[in-house]
């Protein structure tokens, strides 16, 4: 059976007027962003069944919204429909979206003093390239983009982007760009987002309770992995064919949710029960406190995915072909690659995670190469996400079918 995985959406806070946004507007935009992430996850999971997957929906959407600031016509309509940021989906005027992104970024920076949570955006453009200054100014104002240039005659023009991404992610994402991204005839500009998170559990696991246990893989085979154990009162829930637990980080603003499908179910079946609407209305509000025991694998995962094909299959087509209309960026330009790389490590003290997303634009459209009492023993494929509780934004999420060890 083809297995899918579960990735929830990132949700955002918006400010629709200079003086502040109403809660109703915030909820509308958050719901729209949930829709995007669920759709994107399902498409990626279809392409990579039973694979470990870890994505930052926030990073992907931020990079694509920066690109969309230069789109027009059919291209802009398709991008907004896939991102669920069109007026019909959100009930919000288009002019409010940039301010919304600015406000959510500010909110995340301001409110998480007990964890490290950092975000940054940048644009690199080819020297002499006719990029419209209005496009640059818009993304600098609302997304805080730093600006840099590159020269195609440099031996390794990708190095400057990789150095920036490594610096922004504390060395966790070292190579988001490579020479292949510069192998098209005329790459013009690159828009990059980076997110870094490091947080201690509010109630850490005791390393002395960690021991090797059997983990049952999707194909029925087994392997031994290090698993952490804790007995206490958890915030948890029993859903249809799954259990879930919420593990807060110090300060309580952010938390990880872990979803364990029942033995007769799977991450793919669980994903079929989930949507942006069910997450917000049913799943998330359904957690309650109960005493019990949690057994959770330690793991360290690095993941990368080319997003162009999944985005095209979701309906973002013209951005990647000869119909591309990025007249707000400059003449004769298209989107030829969208790539994301991520990192996550979960251990007794807490979690460290990072992501970088790059959107590459050029004069020639080119394709990149394909790329009872509560007891929850997470000894089979499971789902997880990291959410900012105040805003409701999910920063990271993914699925683990085979927990990678820290080598």
Foldseek 3Di string as FASTA:
>chain_A
DFAFFDDFFFAFAFAQDPVGDDPLLSVLRRLLRRQLGLLLRRLVRNVPGQDWDKDFNVFQLVLLVLLLLLFDDPLNVLSCVNSSNDCVRRVGDPVGVLRRQQVRQVCVVPPPPQKDKDKAKEKEFEPPDPWDVVSVVSCCVRRVYDYYYFYLPDPWRQQVVQVVQCVRAVNPRRPQDGVLLSPPPWWTMKMKMKIKIDFFWLDFFDPVQWDWDWFQFPVRDIDIFIKTKDWFKWFWADDDQWIKTWTATPPRQKIKIKIAGHPVDHSRRVSVVDGSVCVVPPVVVRTDIATDMEIGGWFKDKDKAWSPVSSVVSRSPCLQDPNTGSVSTPPQKHWATKMKIKIWTQDRGGIIIMMMIMIIMTNDRDHDPDDVRDYHHNRAKMKMWMARNVSRTTGMIIIDRDGHHDD
